[in-house]
Amino acid sequence: MAIRKGASYIRPLFITVTVILIGK
């Protein structure tokens, strides 16, 4: 999915996971 969709997929996933990591 990342290779096919590129930054439009990776960027929001990157931000989401990082925010969850902060909360954790």
mmCIF file of all heavy atoms, coordinates in Angstrom:
data_MODEL
# 
_entry.id   MODEL 
# 
loop_
_atom_site.group_PDB 
_atom_site.id 
_atom_site.type_symbol 
_atom_site.label_atom_id 
_atom_site.label_alt_id 
_atom_site.label_comp_id 
_atom_site.label_asym_id 
_atom_site.label_entity_id 
_atom_site.label_seq_id 
_atom_site.pdbx_PDB_ins_code 
_atom_site.Cartn_x 
_atom_site.Cartn_y 
_atom_site.Cartn_z 
_atom_site.occupancy 
_atom_site.B_iso_or_equiv 
_atom_site.pdbx_formal_charge 
_atom_site.auth_seq_id 
_atom_site.auth_comp_id 
_atom_site.auth_asym_id 
_atom_site.auth_atom_id 
_atom_site.pdbx_PDB_model_num 
ATOM 1   N N   . MET A 1 1  ? 0.837  -1.207 0.000  1.00 0.00 ? 1  MET A N   1 
ATOM 2   C CA  . MET A 1 1  ? 0.000  0.000  0.000  1.00 0.00 ? 1  MET A CA  1 
ATOM 3   C C   . MET A 1 1  ? 0.868  1.252  0.000  1.00 0.00 ? 1  MET A C   1 
ATOM 4   O O   . MET A 1 1  ? 0.578  2.226  -0.712 1.00 0.00 ? 1  MET A O   1 
ATOM 5   C CB  . MET A 1 1  ? -0.918 -0.005 1.228  1.00 0.00 ? 1  MET A CB  1 
ATOM 6   C CG  . MET A 1 1  ? -2.058 -0.999 1.148  1.00 0.00 ? 1  MET A CG  1 
ATOM 7   S SD  . MET A 1 1  ? -3.081 -1.000 2.644  1.00 0.00 ? 1  MET A SD  1 
ATOM 8   C CE  . MET A 1 1  ? -3.784 0.643  2.578  1.00 0.00 ? 1  MET A CE  1 
ATOM 9   N N   . ALA A 1 2  ? 1.959  1.238  0.783  1.00 0.00 ? 2  ALA A N   1 
ATOM 10  C CA  . ALA A 1 2  ? 2.844  2.405  0.866  1.00 0.00 ? 2  ALA A CA  1 
ATOM 11  C C   . ALA A 1 2  ? 3.507  2.685  -0.475 1.00 0.00 ? 2  ALA A C   1 
ATOM 12  O O   . ALA A 1 2  ? 3.582  3.841  -0.910 1.00 0.00 ? 2  ALA A O   1 
ATOM 13  C CB  . ALA A 1 2  ? 3.900  2.164  1.941  1.00 0.00 ? 2  ALA A CB  1 
ATOM 14  N N   . ILE A 1 3  ? 3.986  1.640  -1.130 1.00 0.00 ? 3  ILE A N   1 
ATOM 15  C CA  . ILE A 1 3  ? 4.675  1.804  -2.414 1.00 0.00 ? 3  ILE A CA  1 
ATOM 16  C C   . ILE A 1 3  ? 3.704  2.278  -3.483 1.00 0.00 ? 3  ILE A C   1 
ATOM 17  O O   . ILE A 1 3  ? 4.036  3.128  -4.317 1.00 0.00 ? 3  ILE A O   1 
ATOM 18  C CB  . ILE A 1 3  ? 5.352  0.471  -2.822 1.00 0.00 ? 3  ILE A CB  1 
ATOM 19  C CG1 . ILE A 1 3  ? 6.512  0.157  -1.848 1.00 0.00 ? 3  ILE A CG1 1 
ATOM 20  C CG2 . ILE A 1 3  ? 5.859  0.535  -4.257 1.00 0.00 ? 3  ILE A CG2 1 
ATOM 21  C CD1 . ILE A 1 3  ? 6.971  -1.279 -1.893 1.00 0.00 ? 3  ILE A CD1 1 
ATOM 22  N N   . ARG A 1 4  ? 2.474  1.767  -3.445 1.00 0.00 ? 4  ARG A N   1 
ATOM 23  C CA  . ARG A 1 4  ? 1.489  2.127  -4.458 1.00 0.00 ? 4  ARG A CA  1 
ATOM 24  C C   . ARG A 1 4  ? 0.940  3.540  -4.265 1.00 0.00 ? 4  ARG A C   1 
ATOM 25  O O   . ARG A 1 4  ? 0.783  4.303  -5.220 1.00 0.00 ? 4  ARG A O   1 
ATOM 26  C CB  . ARG A 1 4  ? 0.336  1.114  -4.448 1.00 0.00 ? 4  ARG A CB  1 
ATOM 27  C CG  . ARG A 1 4  ? -0.653 1.317  -5.596 1.00 0.00 ? 4  ARG A CG  1 
ATOM 28  C CD  . ARG A 1 4  ? -1.640 0.183  -5.703 1.00 0.00 ? 4  ARG A CD  1 
ATOM 29  N NE  . ARG A 1 4  ? -2.560 0.130  -4.578 1.00 0.00 ? 4  ARG A NE  1 
ATOM 30  C CZ  . ARG A 1 4  ? -2.578 -0.820 -3.640 1.00 0.00 ? 4  ARG A CZ  1 
ATOM 31  N NH1 . ARG A 1 4  ? -1.698 -1.810 -3.703 1.00 0.00 ? 4  ARG A NH1 1 
ATOM 32  N NH2 . ARG A 1 4  ? -3.442 -0.808 -2.660 1.00 0.00 ? 4  ARG A NH2 1 
ATOM 33  N N   . LYS A 1 5  ? 0.653  3.924  -3.011 1.00 0.00 ? 5  LYS A N   1 
ATOM 34  C CA  . LYS A 1 5  ? -0.006 5.205  -2.746 1.00 0.00 ? 5  LYS A CA  1 
ATOM 35  C C   . LYS A 1 5  ? 0.962  6.337  -2.416 1.00 0.00 ? 5  LYS A C   1 
ATOM 36  O O   . LYS A 1 5  ? 0.588  7.508  -2.463 1.00 0.00 ? 5  LYS A O   1 
ATOM 37  C CB  . LYS A 1 5  ? -1.016 5.036  -1.605 1.00 0.00 ? 5  LYS A CB  1 
ATOM 38  C CG  . LYS A 1 5  ? -2.158 4.091  -1.951 1.00 0.00 ? 5  LYS A CG  1 
ATOM 39  C CD  . LYS A 1 5  ? -3.210 4.105  -0.875 1.00 0.00 ? 5  LYS A CD  1 
ATOM 40  C CE  . LYS A 1 5  ? -4.397 3.224  -1.255 1.00 0.00 ? 5  LYS A CE  1 
ATOM 41  N NZ  . LYS A 1 5  ? -5.463 3.242  -0.235 1.00 0.00 ? 5  LYS A NZ  1 
ATOM 42  N N   . GLY A 1 6  ? 2.189  6.005  -2.029 1.00 0.00 ? 6  GLY A N   1 
ATOM 43  C CA  . GLY A 1 6  ? 3.201  7.026  -1.790 1.00 0.00 ? 6  GLY A CA  1 
ATOM 44  C C   . GLY A 1 6  ? 2.946  7.891  -0.575 1.00 0.00 ? 6  GLY A C   1 
ATOM 45  O O   . GLY A 1 6  ? 2.375  7.459  0.425  1.00 0.00 ? 6  GLY A O   1 
ATOM 46  N N   . ALA A 1 7  ? 3.357  9.174  -0.697 1.00 0.00 ? 7  ALA A N   1 
ATOM 47  C CA  . ALA A 1 7  ? 3.304  10.101 0.440  1.00 0.00 ? 7  ALA A CA  1 
ATOM 48  C C   . ALA A 1 7  ? 1.887  10.303 0.959  1.00 0.00 ? 7  ALA A C   1 
ATOM 49  O O   . ALA A 1 7  ? 1.691  10.555 2.156  1.00 0.00 ? 7  ALA A O   1 
ATOM 50  C CB  . ALA A 1 7  ? 3.916  11.443 0.042  1.00 0.00 ? 7  ALA A CB  1 
ATOM 51  N N   . SER A 1 8  ? 0.882  10.202 0.098  1.00 0.00 ? 8  SER A N   1 
ATOM 52  C CA  . SER A 1 8  ? -0.501 10.420 0.525  1.00 0.00 ? 8  SER A CA  1 
ATOM 53  C C   . SER A 1 8  ? -0.954 9.382  1.550  1.00 0.00 ? 8  SER A C   1 
ATOM 54  O O   . SER A 1 8  ? -1.887 9.615  2.318  1.00 0.00 ? 8  SER A O   1 
ATOM 55  C CB  . SER A 1 8  ? -1.445 10.393 -0.685 1.00 0.00 ? 8  SER A CB  1 
ATOM 56  O OG  . SER A 1 8  ? -1.427 9.104  -1.297 1.00 0.00 ? 8  SER A OG  1 
ATOM 57  N N   . TYR A 1 9  ? -0.288 8.220  1.554  1.00 0.00 ? 9  TYR A N   1 
ATOM 58  C CA  . TYR A 1 9  ? -0.576 7.165  2.537  1.00 0.00 ? 9  TYR A CA  1 
ATOM 59  C C   . TYR A 1 9  ? 0.406  7.217  3.704  1.00 0.00 ? 9  TYR A C   1 
ATOM 60  O O   . TYR A 1 9  ? 0.016  7.133  4.865  1.00 0.00 ? 9  TYR A O   1 
ATOM 61  C CB  . TYR A 1 9  ? -0.492 5.796  1.853  1.00 0.00 ? 9  TYR A CB  1 
ATOM 62  C CG  . TYR A 1 9  ? -0.567 4.607  2.785  1.00 0.00 ? 9  TYR A CG  1 
ATOM 63  C CD1 . TYR A 1 9  ? -1.775 4.230  3.364  1.00 0.00 ? 9  TYR A CD1 1 
ATOM 64  C CD2 . TYR A 1 9  ? 0.574  3.864  3.074  1.00 0.00 ? 9  TYR A CD2 1 
ATOM 65  C CE1 . TYR A 1 9  ? -1.837 3.134  4.218  1.00 0.00 ? 9  TYR A CE1 1 
ATOM 66  C CE2 . TYR A 1 9  ? 0.512  2.768  3.916  1.00 0.00 ? 9  TYR A CE2 1 
ATOM 67  C CZ  . TYR A 1 9  ? -0.687 2.402  4.484  1.00 0.00 ? 9  TYR A CZ  1 
ATOM 68  O OH  . TYR A 1 9  ? -0.751 1.325  5.328  1.00 0.00 ? 9  TYR A OH  1 
ATOM 69  N N   . ILE A 1 10 ? 1.689  7.398  3.381  1.00 0.00 ? 10 ILE A N   1 
ATOM 70  C CA  . ILE A 1 10 ? 2.714  7.317  4.422  1.00 0.00 ? 10 ILE A CA  1 
ATOM 71  C C   . ILE A 1 10 ? 2.671  8.511  5.360  1.00 0.00 ? 10 ILE A C   1 
ATOM 72  O O   . ILE A 1 10 ? 2.786  8.356  6.582  1.00 0.00 ? 10 ILE A O   1 
ATOM 73  C CB  . ILE A 1 10 ? 4.125  7.205  3.793  1.00 0.00 ? 10 ILE A CB  1 
ATOM 74  C CG1 . ILE A 1 10 ? 4.206  5.949  2.925  1.00 0.00 ? 10 ILE A CG1 1 
ATOM 75  C CG2 . ILE A 1 10 ? 5.199  7.143  4.879  1.00 0.00 ? 10 ILE A CG2 1 
ATOM 76  C CD1 . ILE A 1 10 ? 5.507  5.815  2.160  1.00 0.00 ? 10 ILE A CD1 1 
ATOM 77  N N   . ARG A 1 11 ? 2.497  9.714  4.823  1.00 0.00 ? 11 ARG A N   1 
ATOM 78  C CA  . ARG A 1 11 ? 2.518  10.921 5.662  1.00 0.00 ? 11 ARG A CA  1 
ATOM 79  C C   . ARG A 1 11 ? 1.484  10.890 6.786  1.00 0.00 ? 11 ARG A C   1 
ATOM 80  O O   . ARG A 1 11 ? 1.826  11.064 7.955  1.00 0.00 ? 11 ARG A O   1 
ATOM 81  C CB  . ARG A 1 11 ? 2.335  12.157 4.777  1.00 0.00 ? 11 ARG A CB  1 
ATOM 82  C CG  . ARG A 1 11 ? 2.367  13.473 5.539  1.00 0.00 ? 11 ARG A CG  1 
ATOM 83  C CD  . ARG A 1 11 ? 1.991  14.636 4.613  1.00 0.00 ? 11 ARG A CD  1 
ATOM 84  N NE  . ARG A 1 11 ? 1.868  15.866 5.349  1.00 0.00 ? 11 ARG A NE  1 
ATOM 85  C CZ  . ARG A 1 11 ? 2.872  16.710 5.558  1.00 0.00 ? 11 ARG A CZ  1 
ATOM 86  N NH1 . ARG A 1 11 ? 4.061  16.452 5.073  1.00 0.00 ? 11 ARG A NH1 1 
ATOM 87  N NH2 . ARG A 1 11 ? 2.688  17.820 6.247  1.00 0.00 ? 11 ARG A NH2 1 
ATOM 88  N N   . PRO A 1 12 ? 0.167  10.681 6.478  1.00 0.00 ? 12 PRO A N   1 
ATOM 89  C CA  . PRO A 1 12 ? -0.811 10.642 7.580  1.00 0.00 ? 12 PRO A CA  1 
ATOM 90  C C   . PRO A 1 12 ? -0.585 9.476  8.541  1.00 0.00 ? 12 PRO A C   1 
ATOM 91  O O   . PRO A 1 12 ? -0.816 9.620  9.755  1.00 0.00 ? 12 PRO A O   1 
ATOM 92  C CB  . PRO A 1 12 ? -2.167 10.518 6.861  1.00 0.00 ? 12 PRO A CB  1 
ATOM 93  C CG  . PRO A 1 12 ? -1.855 10.093 5.466  1.00 0.00 ? 12 PRO A CG  1 
ATOM 94  C CD  . PRO A 1 12 ? -0.490 10.598 5.163  1.00 0.00 ? 12 PRO A CD  1 
ATOM 95  N N   . LEU A 1 13 ? -0.124 8.323  8.023  1.00 0.00 ? 13 LEU A N   1 
ATOM 96  C CA  . LEU A 1 13 ? 0.159  7.187  8.905  1.00 0.00 ? 13 LEU A CA  1 
ATOM 97  C C   . LEU A 1 13 ? 1.341  7.515  9.816  1.00 0.00 ? 13 LEU A C   1 
ATOM 98  O O   . LEU A 1 13 ? 1.321  7.206  11.012 1.00 0.00 ? 13 LEU A O   1 
ATOM 99  C CB  . LEU A 1 13 ? 0.466  5.944  8.067  1.00 0.00 ? 13 LEU A CB  1 
ATOM 100 C CG  . LEU A 1 13 ? 0.688  4.636  8.845  1.00 0.00 ? 13 LEU A CG  1 
ATOM 101 C CD1 . LEU A 1 13 ? -0.558 4.245  9.630  1.00 0.00 ? 13 LEU A CD1 1 
ATOM 102 C CD2 . LEU A 1 13 ? 1.077  3.505  7.888  1.00 0.00 ? 13 LEU A CD2 1 
ATOM 103 N N   . PHE A 1 14 ? 2.353  8.166  9.250  1.00 0.00 ? 14 PHE A N   1 
ATOM 104 C CA  . PHE A 1 14 ? 3.528  8.583  10.019 1.00 0.00 ? 14 PHE A CA  1 
ATOM 105 C C   . PHE A 1 14 ? 3.120  9.516  11.163 1.00 0.00 ? 14 PHE A C   1 
ATOM 106 O O   . PHE A 1 14 ? 3.521  9.332  12.324 1.00 0.00 ? 14 PHE A O   1 
ATOM 107 C CB  . PHE A 1 14 ? 4.509  9.288  9.072  1.00 0.00 ? 14 PHE A CB  1 
ATOM 108 C CG  . PHE A 1 14 ? 5.700  9.917  9.739  1.00 0.00 ? 14 PHE A CG  1 
ATOM 109 C CD1 . PHE A 1 14 ? 6.747  9.139  10.203 1.00 0.00 ? 14 PHE A CD1 1 
ATOM 110 C CD2 . PHE A 1 14 ? 5.781  11.296 9.892  1.00 0.00 ? 14 PHE A CD2 1 
ATOM 111 C CE1 . PHE A 1 14 ? 7.859  9.720  10.807 1.00 0.00 ? 14 PHE A CE1 1 
ATOM 112 C CE2 . PHE A 1 14 ? 6.883  11.882 10.490 1.00 0.00 ? 14 PHE A CE2 1 
ATOM 113 C CZ  . PHE A 1 14 ? 7.919  11.095 10.944 1.00 0.00 ? 14 PHE A CZ  1 
ATOM 114 N N   . ILE A 1 15 ? 2.300  10.521 10.851 1.00 0.00 ? 15 ILE A N   1 
ATOM 115 C CA  . ILE A 1 15 ? 1.861  11.482 11.869 1.00 0.00 ? 15 ILE A CA  1 
ATOM 116 C C   . ILE A 1 15 ? 0.991  10.798 12.921 1.00 0.00 ? 15 ILE A C   1 
ATOM 117 O O   . ILE A 1 15 ? 1.156  11.019 14.127 1.00 0.00 ? 15 ILE A O   1 
ATOM 118 C CB  . ILE A 1 15 ? 1.102  12.658 11.205 1.00 0.00 ? 15 ILE A CB  1 
ATOM 119 C CG1 . ILE A 1 15 ? 2.071  13.488 10.348 1.00 0.00 ? 15 ILE A CG1 1 
ATOM 120 C CG2 . ILE A 1 15 ? 0.425  13.534 12.257 1.00 0.00 ? 15 ILE A CG2 1 
ATOM 121 C CD1 . ILE A 1 15 ? 1.399  14.523 9.469  1.00 0.00 ? 15 ILE A CD1 1 
ATOM 122 N N   . THR A 1 16 ? 0.071  9.933  12.480 1.00 0.00 ? 16 THR A N   1 
ATOM 123 C CA  . THR A 1 16 ? -0.831 9.242  13.408 1.00 0.00 ? 16 THR A CA  1 
ATOM 124 C C   . THR A 1 16 ? -0.061 8.374  14.400 1.00 0.00 ? 16 THR A C   1 
ATOM 125 O O   . THR A 1 16 ? -0.283 8.436  15.615 1.00 0.00 ? 16 THR A O   1 
ATOM 126 C CB  . THR A 1 16 ? -1.834 8.368  12.629 1.00 0.00 ? 16 THR A CB  1 
ATOM 127 O OG1 . THR A 1 16 ? -2.605 9.193  11.752 1.00 0.00 ? 16 THR A OG1 1 
ATOM 128 C CG2 . THR A 1 16 ? -2.776 7.641  13.591 1.00 0.00 ? 16 THR A CG2 1 
ATOM 129 N N   . VAL A 1 17 ? 0.848  7.563  13.878 1.00 0.00 ? 17 VAL A N   1 
ATOM 130 C CA  . VAL A 1 17 ? 1.625  6.666  14.749 1.00 0.00 ? 17 VAL A CA  1 
ATOM 131 C C   . VAL A 1 17 ? 2.500  7.467  15.705 1.00 0.00 ? 17 VAL A C   1 
ATOM 132 O O   . VAL A 1 17 ? 2.620  7.126  16.887 1.00 0.00 ? 17 VAL A O   1 
ATOM 133 C CB  . VAL A 1 17 ? 2.481  5.700  13.909 1.00 0.00 ? 17 VAL A CB  1 
ATOM 134 C CG1 . VAL A 1 17 ? 3.471  4.936  14.787 1.00 0.00 ? 17 VAL A CG1 1 
ATOM 135 C CG2 . VAL A 1 17 ? 1.584  4.712  13.175 1.00 0.00 ? 17 VAL A CG2 1 
ATOM 136 N N   . THR A 1 18 ? 3.081  8.559  15.218 1.00 0.00 ? 18 THR A N   1 
ATOM 137 C CA  . THR A 1 18 ? 3.934  9.383  16.074 1.00 0.00 ? 18 THR A CA  1 
ATOM 138 C C   . THR A 1 18 ? 3.128  10.022 17.204 1.00 0.00 ? 18 THR A C   1 
ATOM 139 O O   . THR A 1 18 ? 3.573  10.064 18.351 1.00 0.00 ? 18 THR A O   1 
ATOM 140 C CB  . THR A 1 18 ? 4.653  10.468 15.250 1.00 0.00 ? 18 THR A CB  1 
ATOM 141 O OG1 . THR A 1 18 ? 5.336  9.855  14.155 1.00 0.00 ? 18 THR A OG1 1 
ATOM 142 C CG2 . THR A 1 18 ? 5.664  11.213 16.088 1.00 0.00 ? 18 THR A CG2 1 
ATOM 143 N N   . VAL A 1 19 ? 1.918  10.497 16.893 1.00 0.00 ? 19 VAL A N   1 
ATOM 144 C CA  . VAL A 1 19 ? 1.050  11.078 17.922 1.00 0.00 ? 19 VAL A CA  1 
ATOM 145 C C   . VAL A 1 19 ? 0.662  10.019 18.962 1.00 0.00 ? 19 VAL A C   1 
ATOM 146 O O   . VAL A 1 19 ? 0.665  10.280 20.176 1.00 0.00 ? 19 VAL A O   1 
ATOM 147 C CB  . VAL A 1 19 ? -0.208 11.708 17.282 1.00 0.00 ? 19 VAL A CB  1 
ATOM 148 C CG1 . VAL A 1 19 ? -1.246 12.057 18.347 1.00 0.00 ? 19 VAL A CG1 1 
ATOM 149 C CG2 . VAL A 1 19 ? 0.167  12.953 16.492 1.00 0.00 ? 19 VAL A CG2 1 
ATOM 150 N N   . ILE A 1 20 ? 0.334  8.812  18.496 1.00 0.00 ? 20 ILE A N   1 
ATOM 151 C CA  . ILE A 1 20 ? -0.012 7.726  19.425 1.00 0.00 ? 20 ILE A CA  1 
ATOM 152 C C   . ILE A 1 20 ? 1.182  7.375  20.305 1.00 0.00 ? 20 ILE A C   1 
ATOM 153 O O   . ILE A 1 20 ? 1.041  7.130  21.512 1.00 0.00 ? 20 ILE A O   1 
ATOM 154 C CB  . ILE A 1 20 ? -0.506 6.487  18.649 1.00 0.00 ? 20 ILE A CB  1 
ATOM 155 C CG1 . ILE A 1 20 ? -1.836 6.780  17.959 1.00 0.00 ? 20 ILE A CG1 1 
ATOM 156 C CG2 . ILE A 1 20 ? -0.678 5.288  19.604 1.00 0.00 ? 20 ILE A CG2 1 
ATOM 157 C CD1 . ILE A 1 20 ? -2.290 5.690  17.006 1.00 0.00 ? 20 ILE A CD1 1 
ATOM 158 N N   . LEU A 1 21 ? 2.371  7.368  19.704 1.00 0.00 ? 21 LEU A N   1 
ATOM 159 C CA  . LEU A 1 21 ? 3.594  7.106  20.483 1.00 0.00 ? 21 LEU A CA  1 
ATOM 160 C C   . LEU A 1 21 ? 3.788  8.159  21.573 1.00 0.00 ? 21 LEU A C   1 
ATOM 161 O O   . LEU A 1 21 ? 4.172  7.831  22.701 1.00 0.00 ? 21 LEU A O   1 
ATOM 162 C CB  . LEU A 1 21 ? 4.811  7.105  19.560 1.00 0.00 ? 21 LEU A CB  1 
ATOM 163 C CG  . LEU A 1 21 ? 5.127  5.785  18.853 1.00 0.00 ? 21 LEU A CG  1 
ATOM 164 C CD1 . LEU A 1 21 ? 6.100  6.031  17.707 1.00 0.00 ? 21 LEU A CD1 1 
ATOM 165 C CD2 . LEU A 1 21 ? 5.714  4.776  19.830 1.00 0.00 ? 21 LEU A CD2 1 
ATOM 166 N N   . ILE A 1 22 ? 3.512  9.422  21.229 1.00 0.00 ? 22 ILE A N   1 
ATOM 167 C CA  . ILE A 1 22 ? 3.621  10.495 22.224 1.00 0.00 ? 22 ILE A CA  1 
ATOM 168 C C   . ILE A 1 22 ? 2.674  10.224 23.388 1.00 0.00 ? 22 ILE A C   1 
ATOM 169 O O   . ILE A 1 22 ? 3.056  10.289 24.567 1.00 0.00 ? 22 ILE A O   1 
ATOM 170 C CB  . ILE A 1 22 ? 3.308  11.870 21.593 1.00 0.00 ? 22 ILE A CB  1 
ATOM 171 C CG1 . ILE A 1 22 ? 4.393  12.244 20.577 1.00 0.00 ? 22 ILE A CG1 1 
ATOM 172 C CG2 . ILE A 1 22 ? 3.185  12.950 22.666 1.00 0.00 ? 22 ILE A CG2 1 
ATOM 173 C CD1 . ILE A 1 22 ? 4.025  13.419 19.692 1.00 0.00 ? 22 ILE A CD1 1 
ATOM 174 N N   . GLY A 1 23 ? 1.418  9.914  23.057 1.00 0.00 ? 23 GLY A N   1 
ATOM 175 C CA  . GLY A 1 23 ? 0.422  9.617  24.093 1.00 0.00 ? 23 GLY A CA  1 
ATOM 176 C C   . GLY A 1 23 ? 0.826  8.435  24.964 1.00 0.00 ? 23 GLY A C   1 
ATOM 177 O O   . GLY A 1 23 ? 0.682  8.472  26.201 1.00 0.00 ? 23 GLY A O   1 
ATOM 178 N N   . LYS A 1 24 ? 1.366  7.392  24.315 1.00 0.00 ? 24 LYS A N   1 
ATOM 179 C CA  . LYS A 1 24 ? 1.790  6.199  25.051 1.00 0.00 ? 24 LYS A CA  1 
ATOM 180 C C   . LYS A 1 24 ? 2.938  6.525  26.002 1.00 0.00 ? 24 LYS A C   1 
ATOM 181 O O   . LYS A 1 24 ? 2.941  6.078  27.165 1.00 0.00 ? 24 LYS A O   1 
ATOM 182 C CB  . LYS A 1 24 ? 2.228  5.138  24.047 1.00 0.00 ? 24 LYS A CB  1 
ATOM 183 C CG  . LYS A 1 24 ? 2.855  3.876  24.646 1.00 0.00 ? 24 LYS A CG  1 
ATOM 184 C CD  . LYS A 1 24 ? 1.845  3.045  25.418 1.00 0.00 ? 24 LYS A CD  1 
ATOM 185 C CE  . LYS A 1 24 ? 2.353  1.640  25.713 1.00 0.00 ? 24 LYS A CE  1 
ATOM 186 N NZ  . LYS A 1 24 ? 3.660  1.581  26.384 1.00 0.00 ? 24 LYS A NZ  1 
# 
